């Protein structure tokens, strides 16, 4: 049995694999199958993803989230372009300059109160740089859904960004590493949130939601997909044994499992929030809309609590910590953690 400290609330990347996904990998591990995606598993996964988003869009399976974002933005931008994103965005903070190195473009980062961009926030960056040959040209708006602060864009908010992008000869990219959590929170479909709002290209996450490895790039704007297969290969994101990535998507997309697992993670975060609010004076730093809770704690409490249960310090200077729930987080684990928190604060 794993101890509380070993399991903790560090990240949904810490969790294992959904049993259905593990079974799908085993079932795909039979006989010889054509490589590089020319197989029945990849064909079926592509079909399922197209059904979810309600279009006949190209789908490119890749190894990880950084690869998905790099491929997505490589399709939409050249080296003299710029990507506009929140200053908390994964592409700006946690991808070791992958976009700058592989796409070669610049990132214009915008400070946001809750991790969410609006057309008004980014308009000055676009208008001050567009058409000036001495400056990187804004070409893509990139948002995270959910954001890195656990907040969720509404379809109307995404549509407003897409409209602004298209009016200014730009594209809208969505980093959907936790898209399932956003859909589970909002109650709308993937088609309503992504396709119908005008998103051009999506990084569709699986690893944070019970898969072992793999993400997908869903290209909703046909003009961006022309060279996708060549760029994926050049970025070392083409898997020879692709069936083991696609088989996982087949399992997680069957009977809405991806939304069920995300809903569970979200509900555990809500339970965690309820426990926190039972402590006088405790309130999260950001709205709890998905599977993450951000709190500011007394500095001396953080190491005491970390000795018993692992989690990350999100912002050192403000003592803000992040607690993330997963598909396998249990109610008992949340209750135990709240008891630890109350004891540490006492």
C-alpha atoms as a PDB file:
ATOM      1  CA  UNK A   1       0.000   0.000   0.000  1.00  0.00           C
ATOM      2  CA  UNK A   2       1.378   3.420  -0.982  1.00  0.00           C
ATOM      3  CA  UNK A   3       1.764   5.850   1.893  1.00  0.00           C
ATOM      4  CA  UNK A   4       0.106   9.272   1.964  1.00  0.00           C
ATOM      5  CA  UNK A   5       3.481  10.956   1.516  1.00  0.00           C
ATOM      6  CA  UNK A   6       4.283   8.859  -1.558  1.00  0.00           C
ATOM      7  CA  UNK A   7       0.930   9.534  -3.200  1.00  0.00           C
ATOM      8  CA  UNK A   8       0.265  13.098  -2.170  1.00  0.00           C
ATOM      9  CA  UNK A   9      -1.193  15.923  -4.216  1.00  0.00           C
ATOM     10  CA  UNK A  10       1.857  16.791  -6.310  1.00  0.00           C
ATOM     11  CA  UNK A  11       0.443  16.356  -9.817  1.00  0.00           C
ATOM     12  CA  UNK A  12      -1.950  14.313 -11.910  1.00  0.00           C
ATOM     13  CA  UNK A  13       1.240  13.251 -13.713  1.00  0.00           C
ATOM     14  CA  UNK A  14       2.107  11.297 -10.563  1.00  0.00           C
ATOM     15  CA  UNK A  15      -0.842   8.947 -10.958  1.00  0.00           C
ATOM     16  CA  UNK A  16      -0.626   5.532 -12.561  1.00  0.00           C
ATOM     17  CA  UNK A  17      -2.562   4.225 -15.539  1.00  0.00           C
ATOM     18  CA  UNK A  18      -6.272   3.571 -15.772  1.00  0.00           C
ATOM     19  CA  UNK A  19      -6.863  -0.211 -15.732  1.00  0.00           C
ATOM     20  CA  UNK A  20      -8.747   0.024 -19.029  1.00  0.00           C
ATOM     21  CA  UNK A  21      -5.770   1.763 -20.631  1.00  0.00           C
ATOM     22  CA  UNK A  22      -3.305  -0.805 -19.317  1.00  0.00           C
ATOM     23  CA  UNK A  23      -5.527  -3.574 -20.686  1.00  0.00           C
ATOM     24  CA  UNK A  24      -5.686  -1.847 -24.077  1.00  0.00           C
ATOM     25  CA  UNK A  25      -1.883  -1.724 -24.249  1.00  0.00           C
ATOM     26  CA  UNK A  26      -1.696  -5.439 -23.466  1.00  0.00           C
ATOM     27  CA  UNK A  27      -4.328  -6.278 -26.065  1.00  0.00           C
ATOM     28  CA  UNK A  28      -2.426  -4.278 -28.695  1.00  0.00           C
ATOM     29  CA  UNK A  29       0.710  -6.235 -27.887  1.00  0.00           C
ATOM     30  CA  UNK A  30      -0.139  -9.170 -30.175  1.00  0.00           C
ATOM     31  CA  UNK A  31       1.325 -10.261 -33.489  1.00  0.00           C
ATOM     32  CA  UNK A  32       3.057  -7.891 -35.896  1.00  0.00           C
ATOM     33  CA  UNK A  33       1.368  -4.635 -36.878  1.00  0.00           C
ATOM     34  CA  UNK A  34       2.378  -2.042 -39.460  1.00  0.00           C
ATOM     35  CA  UNK A  35       4.448   0.795 -38.013  1.00  0.00           C
ATOM     36  CA  UNK A  36       4.246   4.605 -37.921  1.00  0.00           C
ATOM     37  CA  UNK A  37       0.463   4.741 -37.573  1.00  0.00           C
ATOM     38  CA  UNK A  38      -0.516   2.545 -40.485  1.00  0.00           C
ATOM     39  CA  UNK A  39      -2.561   0.272 -38.231  1.00  0.00           C
ATOM     40  CA  UNK A  40      -6.141  -0.383 -37.145  1.00  0.00           C
ATOM     41  CA  UNK A  41      -5.613   1.071 -33.648  1.00  0.00           C
ATOM     42  CA  UNK A  42      -4.522   4.443 -34.985  1.00  0.00           C
ATOM     43  CA  UNK A  43      -7.273   4.439 -37.574  1.00  0.00           C
ATOM     44  CA  UNK A  44      -9.891   3.834 -34.877  1.00  0.00           C
ATOM     45  CA  UNK A  45      -8.417   6.420 -32.482  1.00  0.00           C
ATOM     46  CA  UNK A  46      -8.405   9.023 -35.247  1.00  0.00           C
ATOM     47  CA  UNK A  47     -12.038   8.223 -35.999  1.00  0.00           C
ATOM     48  CA  UNK A  48     -13.022   8.562 -32.337  1.00  0.00           C
ATOM     49  CA  UNK A  49     -11.256  11.899 -31.948  1.00  0.00           C
ATOM     50  CA  UNK A  50     -12.909  13.224 -35.097  1.00  0.00           C
ATOM     51  CA  UNK A  51     -16.300  12.172 -33.750  1.00  0.00           C
ATOM     52  CA  UNK A  52     -15.670  13.963 -30.458  1.00  0.00           C
ATOM     53  CA  UNK A  53     -14.749  17.208 -32.182  1.00  0.00           C
ATOM     54  CA  UNK A  54     -17.350  16.815 -34.918  1.00  0.00           C
ATOM     55  CA  UNK A  55     -15.085  17.282 -37.918  1.00  0.00           C
ATOM     56  CA  UNK A  56     -12.862  15.354 -40.312  1.00  0.00           C
ATOM     57  CA  UNK A  57      -9.725  16.999 -38.940  1.00  0.00           C
ATOM     58  CA  UNK A  58      -6.191  15.586 -39.245  1.00  0.00           C
ATOM     59  CA  UNK A  59      -4.899  14.036 -36.013  1.00  0.00           C
ATOM     60  CA  UNK A  60      -1.190  13.628 -35.226  1.00  0.00           C
ATOM     61  CA  UNK A  61      -0.275  11.400 -32.281  1.00  0.00           C
ATOM     62  CA  UNK A  62       2.864  12.393 -30.363  1.00  0.00           C
ATOM     63  CA  UNK A  63       4.765  11.289 -27.275  1.00  0.00           C
ATOM     64  CA  UNK A  64       4.156  14.120 -24.797  1.00  0.00           C
ATOM     65  CA  UNK A  65       2.684  17.530 -24.074  1.00  0.00           C
ATOM     66  CA  UNK A  66       5.753  19.544 -24.982  1.00  0.00           C
ATOM     67  CA  UNK A  67       5.879  17.687 -28.290  1.00  0.00           C
ATOM     68  CA  UNK A  68       2.192  18.393 -28.895  1.00  0.00           C
ATOM     69  CA  UNK A  69       2.612  22.111 -28.217  1.00  0.00           C
ATOM     70  CA  UNK A  70       5.773  22.333 -30.296  1.00  0.00           C
ATOM     71  CA  UNK A  71       4.170  20.571 -33.249  1.00  0.00           C
ATOM     72  CA  UNK A  72       0.982  22.656 -32.957  1.00  0.00           C
ATOM     73  CA  UNK A  73       2.873  25.933 -32.970  1.00  0.00           C
ATOM     74  CA  UNK A  74       5.279  24.761 -35.678  1.00  0.00           C
ATOM     75  CA  UNK A  75       2.249  24.324 -37.935  1.00  0.00           C
ATOM     76  CA  UNK A  76       1.037  27.859 -37.237  1.00  0.00           C
ATOM     77  CA  UNK A  77       4.161  30.014 -36.928  1.00  0.00           C
ATOM     78  CA  UNK A  78       7.484  30.783 -38.607  1.00  0.00           C
ATOM     79  CA  UNK A  79      10.683  31.905 -36.923  1.00  0.00           C
ATOM     80  CA  UNK A  80       9.925  35.609 -37.447  1.00  0.00           C
ATOM     81  CA  UNK A  81       6.521  35.241 -35.782  1.00  0.00           C
ATOM     82  CA  UNK A  82       5.503  35.566 -32.139  1.00  0.00           C
ATOM     83  CA  UNK A  83       3.100  33.616 -29.953  1.00  0.00           C
ATOM     84  CA  UNK A  84       1.019  35.579 -27.448  1.00  0.00           C
ATOM     85  CA  UNK A  85       0.344  33.678 -24.209  1.00  0.00           C
ATOM     86  CA  UNK A  86      -0.209  34.142 -20.491  1.00  0.00           C
ATOM     87  CA  UNK A  87       2.946  34.554 -18.429  1.00  0.00           C
ATOM     88  CA  UNK A  88       1.935  31.412 -16.529  1.00  0.00           C
ATOM     89  CA  UNK A  89       1.522  29.320 -19.710  1.00  0.00           C
ATOM     90  CA  UNK A  90       3.234  25.956 -19.829  1.00  0.00           C
ATOM     91  CA  UNK A  91       4.973  26.885 -23.093  1.00  0.00           C
ATOM     92  CA  UNK A  92       6.468  29.943 -21.372  1.00  0.00           C
ATOM     93  CA  UNK A  93       7.404  28.455 -17.994  1.00  0.00           C
ATOM     94  CA  UNK A  94       7.798  24.695 -18.089  1.00  0.00           C
ATOM     95  CA  UNK A  95       9.014  23.636 -21.533  1.00  0.00           C
ATOM     96  CA  UNK A  96      12.659  24.719 -21.279  1.00  0.00           C
ATOM     97  CA  UNK A  97      12.436  27.039 -24.288  1.00  0.00           C
ATOM     98  CA  UNK A  98      11.205  24.271 -26.605  1.00  0.00           C
ATOM     99  CA  UNK A  99       9.073  26.678 -28.652  1.00  0.00           C
ATOM    100  CA  UNK A 100      11.906  29.180 -29.045  1.00  0.00           C
ATOM    101  CA  UNK A 101      14.377  26.459 -30.034  1.00  0.00           C
ATOM    102  CA  UNK A 102      12.267  24.348 -32.383  1.00  0.00           C
ATOM    103  CA  UNK A 103       9.810  26.887 -33.809  1.00  0.00           C
ATOM    104  CA  UNK A 104      12.318  29.712 -33.541  1.00  0.00           C
ATOM    105  CA  UNK A 105       9.685  32.300 -32.733  1.00  0.00           C
ATOM    106  CA  UNK A 106       9.323  34.675 -29.814  1.00  0.00           C
ATOM    107  CA  UNK A 107       6.829  34.453 -26.958  1.00  0.00           C
ATOM    108  CA  UNK A 108       4.967  37.604 -25.908  1.00  0.00           C
ATOM    109  CA  UNK A 109       3.831  36.862 -22.345  1.00  0.00           C
ATOM    110  CA  UNK A 110       0.914  38.703 -20.729  1.00  0.00           C
ATOM    111  CA  UNK A 111       0.299  39.047 -17.008  1.00  0.00           C
ATOM    112  CA  UNK A 112      -3.154  37.742 -16.132  1.00  0.00           C
ATOM    113  CA  UNK A 113      -5.070  37.799 -12.828  1.00  0.00           C
ATOM    114  CA  UNK A 114      -6.355  34.209 -13.115  1.00  0.00           C
ATOM    115  CA  UNK A 115      -4.337  32.730 -15.988  1.00  0.00           C
ATOM    116  CA  UNK A 116      -6.896  33.719 -18.655  1.00  0.00           C
ATOM    117  CA  UNK A 117      -6.266  35.978 -21.640  1.00  0.00           C
ATOM    118  CA  UNK A 118      -8.819  38.340 -23.176  1.00  0.00           C
ATOM    119  CA  UNK A 119      -8.687  40.266 -26.479  1.00  0.00           C
ATOM    120  CA  UNK A 120      -8.369  43.496 -24.507  1.00  0.00           C
ATOM    121  CA  UNK A 121      -5.304  42.221 -22.658  1.00  0.00           C
ATOM    122  CA  UNK A 122      -3.434  41.303 -25.819  1.00  0.00           C
ATOM    123  CA  UNK A 123      -4.594  43.952 -28.281  1.00  0.00           C
ATOM    124  CA  UNK A 124      -1.750  46.377 -27.511  1.00  0.00           C
ATOM    125  CA  UNK A 125       0.880  43.679 -28.111  1.00  0.00           C
ATOM    126  CA  UNK A 126      -0.682  42.798 -31.445  1.00  0.00           C
ATOM    127  CA  UNK A 127      -1.244  46.344 -32.694  1.00  0.00           C
ATOM    128  CA  UNK A 128       2.124  47.704 -31.516  1.00  0.00           C
ATOM    129  CA  UNK A 129       4.078  45.018 -33.387  1.00  0.00           C
ATOM    130  CA  UNK A 130       2.031  44.052 -36.431  1.00  0.00           C
ATOM    131  CA  UNK A 131       3.434  45.315 -39.704  1.00  0.00           C
ATOM    132  CA  UNK A 132       6.718  46.582 -38.224  1.00  0.00           C
ATOM    133  CA  UNK A 133       9.550  44.819 -40.056  1.00  0.00           C
ATOM    134  CA  UNK A 134      11.866  45.344 -37.074  1.00  0.00           C
ATOM    135  CA  UNK A 135       9.672  43.299 -34.715  1.00  0.00           C
ATOM    136  CA  UNK A 136       8.488  39.730 -34.345  1.00  0.00           C
ATOM    137  CA  UNK A 137       5.034  39.461 -35.885  1.00  0.00           C
ATOM    138  CA  UNK A 138       2.226  38.233 -33.605  1.00  0.00           C
ATOM    139  CA  UNK A 139       0.795  35.173 -35.352  1.00  0.00           C
ATOM    140  CA  UNK A 140      -0.671  32.861 -32.710  1.00  0.00           C
ATOM    141  CA  UNK A 141      -2.629  33.287 -29.512  1.00  0.00           C
ATOM    142  CA  UNK A 142      -1.998  30.304 -27.244  1.00  0.00           C
ATOM    143  CA  UNK A 143      -4.205  29.538 -24.254  1.00  0.00           C
ATOM    144  CA  UNK A 144      -4.292  26.662 -21.775  1.00  0.00           C
ATOM    145  CA  UNK A 145      -7.581  24.907 -21.061  1.00  0.00           C
ATOM    146  CA  UNK A 146      -7.600  24.442 -18.089  1.00  0.00           C
ATOM    147  CA  UNK A 147      -5.167  27.245 -17.327  1.00  0.00           C
ATOM    148  CA  UNK A 148      -2.052  26.674 -15.256  1.00  0.00           C
ATOM    149  CA  UNK A 149      -3.946  28.256 -12.345  1.00  0.00           C
ATOM    150  CA  UNK A 150      -6.803  25.755 -12.551  1.00  0.00           C
ATOM    151  CA  UNK A 151      -9.310  28.158 -14.086  1.00  0.00           C
ATOM    152  CA  UNK A 152     -11.491  27.358 -17.087  1.00  0.00           C
ATOM    153  CA  UNK A 153     -12.344  29.451 -20.153  1.00  0.00           C
ATOM    154  CA  UNK A 154     -16.001  29.527 -21.163  1.00  0.00           C
ATOM    155  CA  UNK A 155     -16.833  28.815 -24.827  1.00  0.00           C
ATOM    156  CA  UNK A 156     -17.749  32.491 -25.237  1.00  0.00           C
ATOM    157  CA  UNK A 157     -14.334  33.556 -23.933  1.00  0.00           C
ATOM    158  CA  UNK A 158     -12.574  31.192 -26.347  1.00  0.00           C
ATOM    159  CA  UNK A 159     -14.744  32.384 -29.232  1.00  0.00           C
ATOM    160  CA  UNK A 160     -13.857  36.001 -28.482  1.00  0.00           C
ATOM    161  CA  UNK A 161     -10.146  35.156 -28.670  1.00  0.00           C
ATOM    162  CA  UNK A 162     -10.616  33.151 -31.883  1.00  0.00           C
ATOM    163  CA  UNK A 163     -12.560  35.991 -33.484  1.00  0.00           C
ATOM    164  CA  UNK A 164      -9.885  38.501 -32.477  1.00  0.00           C
ATOM    165  CA  UNK A 165      -7.160  36.230 -33.843  1.00  0.00           C
ATOM    166  CA  UNK A 166      -8.865  35.691 -37.178  1.00  0.00           C
ATOM    167  CA  UNK A 167      -9.683  39.383 -37.581  1.00  0.00           C
ATOM    168  CA  UNK A 168      -5.968  40.095 -37.214  1.00  0.00           C
ATOM    169  CA  UNK A 169      -4.588  37.327 -39.464  1.00  0.00           C
ATOM    170  CA  UNK A 170      -3.660  35.148 -36.490  1.00  0.00           C
ATOM    171  CA  UNK A 171      -4.438  31.644 -35.245  1.00  0.00           C
ATOM    172  CA  UNK A 172      -5.720  30.360 -31.903  1.00  0.00           C
ATOM    173  CA  UNK A 173      -3.938  27.400 -30.283  1.00  0.00           C
ATOM    174  CA  UNK A 174      -5.255  25.600 -27.214  1.00  0.00           C
ATOM    175  CA  UNK A 175      -2.968  23.647 -24.907  1.00  0.00           C
ATOM    176  CA  UNK A 176      -5.499  21.034 -23.815  1.00  0.00           C
ATOM    177  CA  UNK A 177      -3.329  18.986 -21.482  1.00  0.00           C
ATOM    178  CA  UNK A 178      -6.282  19.051 -19.054  1.00  0.00           C
ATOM    179  CA  UNK A 179      -9.069  19.632 -21.564  1.00  0.00           C
ATOM    180  CA  UNK A 180     -11.080  16.762 -20.071  1.00  0.00           C
ATOM    181  CA  UNK A 181     -11.158  18.535 -16.704  1.00  0.00           C
ATOM    182  CA  UNK A 182     -12.361  21.733 -18.374  1.00  0.00           C
ATOM    183  CA  UNK A 183     -15.144  19.884 -20.199  1.00  0.00           C
ATOM    184  CA  UNK A 184     -16.173  18.055 -17.043  1.00  0.00           C
ATOM    185  CA  UNK A 185     -16.424  21.380 -15.217  1.00  0.00           C
ATOM    186  CA  UNK A 186     -18.264  23.267 -17.955  1.00  0.00           C
ATOM    187  CA  UNK A 187     -20.661  20.494 -18.940  1.00  0.00           C
ATOM    188  CA  UNK A 188     -20.356  21.287 -22.640  1.00  0.00           C
ATOM    189  CA  UNK A 189     -19.014  19.032 -25.393  1.00  0.00           C
ATOM    190  CA  UNK A 190     -15.587  19.145 -27.010  1.00  0.00           C
ATOM    191  CA  UNK A 191     -17.254  20.288 -30.220  1.00  0.00           C
ATOM    192  CA  UNK A 192     -18.979  23.174 -28.449  1.00  0.00           C
ATOM    193  CA  UNK A 193     -15.853  24.263 -26.580  1.00  0.00           C
ATOM    194  CA  UNK A 194     -13.220  23.788 -29.303  1.00  0.00           C
ATOM    195  CA  UNK A 195     -14.566  23.270 -32.828  1.00  0.00           C
ATOM    196  CA  UNK A 196     -17.528  25.622 -32.719  1.00  0.00           C
ATOM    197  CA  UNK A 197     -15.571  28.449 -31.077  1.00  0.00           C
ATOM    198  CA  UNK A 198     -13.048  28.661 -33.916  1.00  0.00           C
ATOM    199  CA  UNK A 199      -9.930  27.071 -32.411  1.00  0.00           C
ATOM    200  CA  UNK A 200      -7.357  26.401 -35.144  1.00  0.00           C
ATOM    201  CA  UNK A 201      -5.170  23.762 -33.517  1.00  0.00           C
ATOM    202  CA  UNK A 202      -5.382  21.821 -30.249  1.00  0.00           C
ATOM    203  CA  UNK A 203      -2.911  19.895 -28.115  1.00  0.00           C
ATOM    204  CA  UNK A 204      -5.175  17.140 -26.813  1.00  0.00           C
ATOM    205  CA  UNK A 205      -3.905  15.684 -23.544  1.00  0.00           C
ATOM    206  CA  UNK A 206      -4.109  12.136 -22.255  1.00  0.00           C
ATOM    207  CA  UNK A 207      -1.215  11.579 -19.843  1.00  0.00           C
ATOM    208  CA  UNK A 208      -2.639  13.720 -17.040  1.00  0.00           C
ATOM    209  CA  UNK A 209      -5.913  11.823 -17.306  1.00  0.00           C
ATOM    210  CA  UNK A 210      -4.923   8.191 -16.889  1.00  0.00           C
ATOM    211  CA  UNK A 211      -2.850   7.357 -19.963  1.00  0.00           C
ATOM    212  CA  UNK A 212       0.720   6.084 -19.739  1.00  0.00           C
ATOM    213  CA  UNK A 213       2.196   8.113 -22.585  1.00  0.00           C
ATOM    214  CA  UNK A 214       0.969  10.110 -25.536  1.00  0.00           C
ATOM    215  CA  UNK A 215      -0.970  13.182 -26.642  1.00  0.00           C
ATOM    216  CA  UNK A 216      -2.609  14.172 -29.916  1.00  0.00           C
ATOM    217  CA  UNK A 217      -2.467  17.274 -32.077  1.00  0.00           C
ATOM    218  CA  UNK A 218      -5.901  17.974 -33.550  1.00  0.00           C
ATOM    219  CA  UNK A 219      -5.733  20.364 -36.504  1.00  0.00           C
ATOM    220  CA  UNK A 220      -9.118  22.020 -36.929  1.00  0.00           C
ATOM    221  CA  UNK A 221      -7.969  24.564 -39.504  1.00  0.00           C
ATOM    222  CA  UNK A 222      -7.202  22.618 -42.721  1.00  0.00           C
ATOM    223  CA  UNK A 223      -4.627  25.130 -43.946  1.00  0.00           C
ATOM    224  CA  UNK A 224      -2.358  24.270 -41.007  1.00  0.00           C
ATOM    225  CA  UNK A 225      -2.184  20.525 -41.630  1.00  0.00           C
ATOM    226  CA  UNK A 226      -0.412  20.436 -45.001  1.00  0.00           C
ATOM    227  CA  UNK A 227       3.083  19.693 -43.683  1.00  0.00           C
ATOM    228  CA  UNK A 228       2.099  18.170 -40.351  1.00  0.00           C
ATOM    229  CA  UNK A 229       3.459  14.683 -40.959  1.00  0.00           C
ATOM    230  CA  UNK A 230       6.881  16.001 -42.019  1.00  0.00           C
ATOM    231  CA  UNK A 231       7.181  18.451 -39.133  1.00  0.00           C
ATOM    232  CA  UNK A 232       6.166  15.748 -36.632  1.00  0.00           C
ATOM    233  CA  UNK A 233       8.930  13.492 -37.957  1.00  0.00           C
ATOM    234  CA  UNK A 234      11.494  16.305 -37.833  1.00  0.00           C
ATOM    235  CA  UNK A 235      10.526  17.058 -34.236  1.00  0.00           C
ATOM    236  CA  UNK A 236      11.199  13.371 -33.321  1.00  0.00           C
ATOM    237  CA  UNK A 237       7.552  12.918 -32.342  1.00  0.00           C
ATOM    238  CA  UNK A 238       6.678  10.155 -34.830  1.00  0.00           C
ATOM    239  CA  UNK A 239       6.336   6.866 -32.960  1.00  0.00           C
ATOM    240  CA  UNK A 240       7.253   3.730 -34.863  1.00  0.00           C
ATOM    241  CA  UNK A 241       5.019   1.602 -32.634  1.00  0.00           C
ATOM    242  CA  UNK A 242       2.208   4.124 -32.659  1.00  0.00           C
ATOM    243  CA  UNK A 243      -0.441   1.506 -31.909  1.00  0.00           C
ATOM    244  CA  UNK A 244       0.511   1.659 -28.221  1.00  0.00           C
ATOM    245  CA  UNK A 245      -0.331   5.372 -28.090  1.00  0.00           C
ATOM    246  CA  UNK A 246      -3.512   5.108 -30.149  1.00  0.00           C
ATOM    247  CA  UNK A 247      -4.745   2.033 -28.282  1.00  0.00           C
ATOM    248  CA  UNK A 248      -4.699   4.115 -25.099  1.00  0.00           C
ATOM    249  CA  UNK A 249      -6.836   6.813 -26.703  1.00  0.00           C
ATOM    250  CA  UNK A 250      -9.259   4.126 -27.870  1.00  0.00           C
ATOM    251  CA  UNK A 251      -9.626   2.907 -24.301  1.00  0.00           C
ATOM    252  CA  UNK A 252      -9.956   6.293 -22.633  1.00  0.00           C
ATOM    253  CA  UNK A 253     -12.436   7.609 -25.206  1.00  0.00           C
ATOM    254  CA  UNK A 254     -14.645   4.512 -24.966  1.00  0.00           C
ATOM    255  CA  UNK A 255     -17.952   5.162 -23.181  1.00  0.00           C
ATOM    256  CA  UNK A 256     -16.795   8.585 -21.969  1.00  0.00           C
ATOM    257  CA  UNK A 257     -14.104   7.190 -19.666  1.00  0.00           C
ATOM    258  CA  UNK A 258     -11.913  10.268 -20.210  1.00  0.00           C
ATOM    259  CA  UNK A 259     -14.671  12.543 -18.904  1.00  0.00           C
ATOM    260  CA  UNK A 260     -15.576  10.225 -16.021  1.00  0.00           C
ATOM    261  CA  UNK A 261     -11.973  10.116 -14.776  1.00  0.00           C
ATOM    262  CA  UNK A 262     -11.628  13.896 -15.120  1.00  0.00           C
ATOM    263  CA  UNK A 263     -14.949  14.432 -13.325  1.00  0.00           C
ATOM    264  CA  UNK A 264     -13.714  12.332 -10.431  1.00  0.00           C
ATOM    265  CA  UNK A 265     -10.505  14.363 -10.152  1.00  0.00           C
ATOM    266  CA  UNK A 266     -12.549  17.571 -10.217  1.00  0.00           C
ATOM    267  CA  UNK A 267     -14.931  16.309  -7.538  1.00  0.00           C
ATOM    268  CA  UNK A 268     -12.005  15.413  -5.266  1.00  0.00           C
ATOM    269  CA  UNK A 269     -10.700  18.972  -5.672  1.00  0.00           C
ATOM    270  CA  UNK A 270     -14.134  20.253  -4.632  1.00  0.00           C
ATOM    271  CA  UNK A 271     -14.068  17.993  -1.588  1.00  0.00           C
ATOM    272  CA  UNK A 272     -10.621  19.332  -0.778  1.00  0.00           C
ATOM    273  CA  UNK A 273     -11.981  22.867  -1.129  1.00  0.00           C
ATOM    274  CA  UNK A 274     -14.852  22.102   1.260  1.00  0.00           C
ATOM    275  CA  UNK A 275     -12.388  20.798   3.824  1.00  0.00           C
ATOM    276  CA  UNK A 276     -10.207  23.877   3.478  1.00  0.00           C
ATOM    277  CA  UNK A 277     -13.172  26.192   3.967  1.00  0.00           C
ATOM    278  CA  UNK A 278     -14.023  24.397   7.189  1.00  0.00           C
ATOM    279  CA  UNK A 279     -10.841  25.948   8.592  1.00  0.00           C
ATOM    280  CA  UNK A 280     -11.362  29.519   9.753  1.00  0.00           C
ATOM    281  CA  UNK A 281      -9.755  32.124   7.497  1.00  0.00           C
ATOM    282  CA  UNK A 282      -8.751  29.668   4.764  1.00  0.00           C
ATOM    283  CA  UNK A 283      -9.710  30.471   1.164  1.00  0.00           C
ATOM    284  CA  UNK A 284      -8.088  29.458  -2.144  1.00  0.00           C
ATOM    285  CA  UNK A 285      -6.017  31.985  -4.081  1.00  0.00           C
ATOM    286  CA  UNK A 286      -7.779  31.200  -7.383  1.00  0.00           C
ATOM    287  CA  UNK A 287     -11.247  29.825  -8.176  1.00  0.00           C
ATOM    288  CA  UNK A 288     -11.326  26.025  -7.948  1.00  0.00           C
ATOM    289  CA  UNK A 289     -12.864  25.011 -11.262  1.00  0.00           C
ATOM    290  CA  UNK A 290     -10.983  21.854 -12.216  1.00  0.00           C
ATOM    291  CA  UNK A 291      -8.710  19.484 -10.313  1.00  0.00           C
ATOM    292  CA  UNK A 292      -6.234  21.924  -8.725  1.00  0.00           C
ATOM    293  CA  UNK A 293      -6.372  23.986  -5.547  1.00  0.00           C
ATOM    294  CA  UNK A 294      -3.976  26.883  -4.899  1.00  0.00           C
ATOM    295  CA  UNK A 295      -3.489  28.087  -1.321  1.00  0.00           C
ATOM    296  CA  UNK A 296      -1.322  30.589   0.506  1.00  0.00           C
ATOM    297  CA  UNK A 297      -0.010  29.073   3.729  1.00  0.00           C
ATOM    298  CA  UNK A 298       2.152  30.381   6.575  1.00  0.00           C
ATOM    299  CA  UNK A 299       5.773  29.792   5.541  1.00  0.00           C
ATOM    300  CA  UNK A 300       6.568  27.615   8.562  1.00  0.00           C
ATOM    301  CA  UNK A 301       3.616  25.286   7.864  1.00  0.00           C
ATOM    302  CA  UNK A 302       4.658  24.278   4.340  1.00  0.00           C
ATOM    303  CA  UNK A 303       7.715  22.097   5.165  1.00  0.00           C
ATOM    304  CA  UNK A 304       5.867  20.463   8.069  1.00  0.00           C
ATOM    305  CA  UNK A 305       3.030  19.464   5.765  1.00  0.00           C
ATOM    306  CA  UNK A 306       5.385  18.357   2.986  1.00  0.00           C
ATOM    307  CA  UNK A 307       7.035  15.910   5.390  1.00  0.00           C
ATOM    308  CA  UNK A 308       3.760  14.017   5.489  1.00  0.00           C
ATOM    309  CA  UNK A 309       2.345  14.582   1.990  1.00  0.00           C
ATOM    310  CA  UNK A 310       4.150  15.744  -1.139  1.00  0.00           C
ATOM    311  CA  UNK A 311       3.017  18.828  -3.066  1.00  0.00           C
ATOM    312  CA  UNK A 312       4.691  21.693  -4.910  1.00  0.00           C
ATOM    313  CA  UNK A 313       5.289  25.247  -3.798  1.00  0.00           C
ATOM    314  CA  UNK A 314       3.885  27.219  -6.733  1.00  0.00           C
ATOM    315  CA  UNK A 315       5.049  30.739  -5.856  1.00  0.00           C
ATOM    316  CA  UNK A 316       7.781  30.963  -3.236  1.00  0.00           C
ATOM    317  CA  UNK A 317       7.591  34.685  -2.449  1.00  0.00           C
ATOM    318  CA  UNK A 318       3.881  34.488  -1.621  1.00  0.00           C
ATOM    319  CA  UNK A 319       3.950  30.998  -0.046  1.00  0.00           C
ATOM    320  CA  UNK A 320       1.417  29.762  -2.596  1.00  0.00           C
ATOM    321  CA  UNK A 321       1.188  25.988  -2.887  1.00  0.00           C
ATOM    322  CA  UNK A 322      -0.629  23.800  -5.417  1.00  0.00           C
ATOM    323  CA  UNK A 323      -2.592  20.647  -4.619  1.00  0.00           C
ATOM    324  CA  UNK A 324      -3.689  18.515  -7.574  1.00  0.00           C
ATOM    325  CA  UNK A 325      -6.207  15.662  -7.551  1.00  0.00           C
ATOM    326  CA  UNK A 326      -6.127  12.720  -9.964  1.00  0.00           C
ATOM    327  CA  UNK A 327      -8.458  10.055 -11.334  1.00  0.00           C
ATOM    328  CA  UNK A 328      -7.349   7.768  -8.477  1.00  0.00           C
ATOM    329  CA  UNK A 329      -7.549  10.258  -5.589  1.00  0.00           C
ATOM    330  CA  UNK A 330      -9.891   8.918  -2.908  1.00  0.00           C
ATOM    331  CA  UNK A 331     -12.207  10.677  -0.480  1.00  0.00           C
ATOM    332  CA  UNK A 332     -10.289   9.133   2.399  1.00  0.00           C
ATOM    333  CA  UNK A 333      -7.028  10.605   1.123  1.00  0.00           C
ATOM    334  CA  UNK A 334      -8.616  14.050   0.950  1.00  0.00           C
ATOM    335  CA  UNK A 335     -10.001  13.699   4.477  1.00  0.00           C
ATOM    336  CA  UNK A 336      -6.628  12.536   5.793  1.00  0.00           C
ATOM    337  CA  UNK A 337      -4.918  15.497   4.158  1.00  0.00           C
ATOM    338  CA  UNK A 338      -7.374  18.001   5.626  1.00  0.00           C
ATOM    339  CA  UNK A 339      -6.683  16.496   9.062  1.00  0.00           C
ATOM    340  CA  UNK A 340      -2.929  16.914   8.452  1.00  0.00           C
ATOM    341  CA  UNK A 341      -3.500  20.524   7.373  1.00  0.00           C
ATOM    342  CA  UNK A 342      -5.553  21.351  10.464  1.00  0.00           C
ATOM    343  CA  UNK A 343      -2.898  19.832  12.698  1.00  0.00           C
ATOM    344  CA  UNK A 344      -0.069  21.679  10.939  1.00  0.00           C
ATOM    345  CA  UNK A 345      -1.926  25.002  11.192  1.00  0.00           C
ATOM    346  CA  UNK A 346      -2.666  24.411  14.859  1.00  0.00           C
END
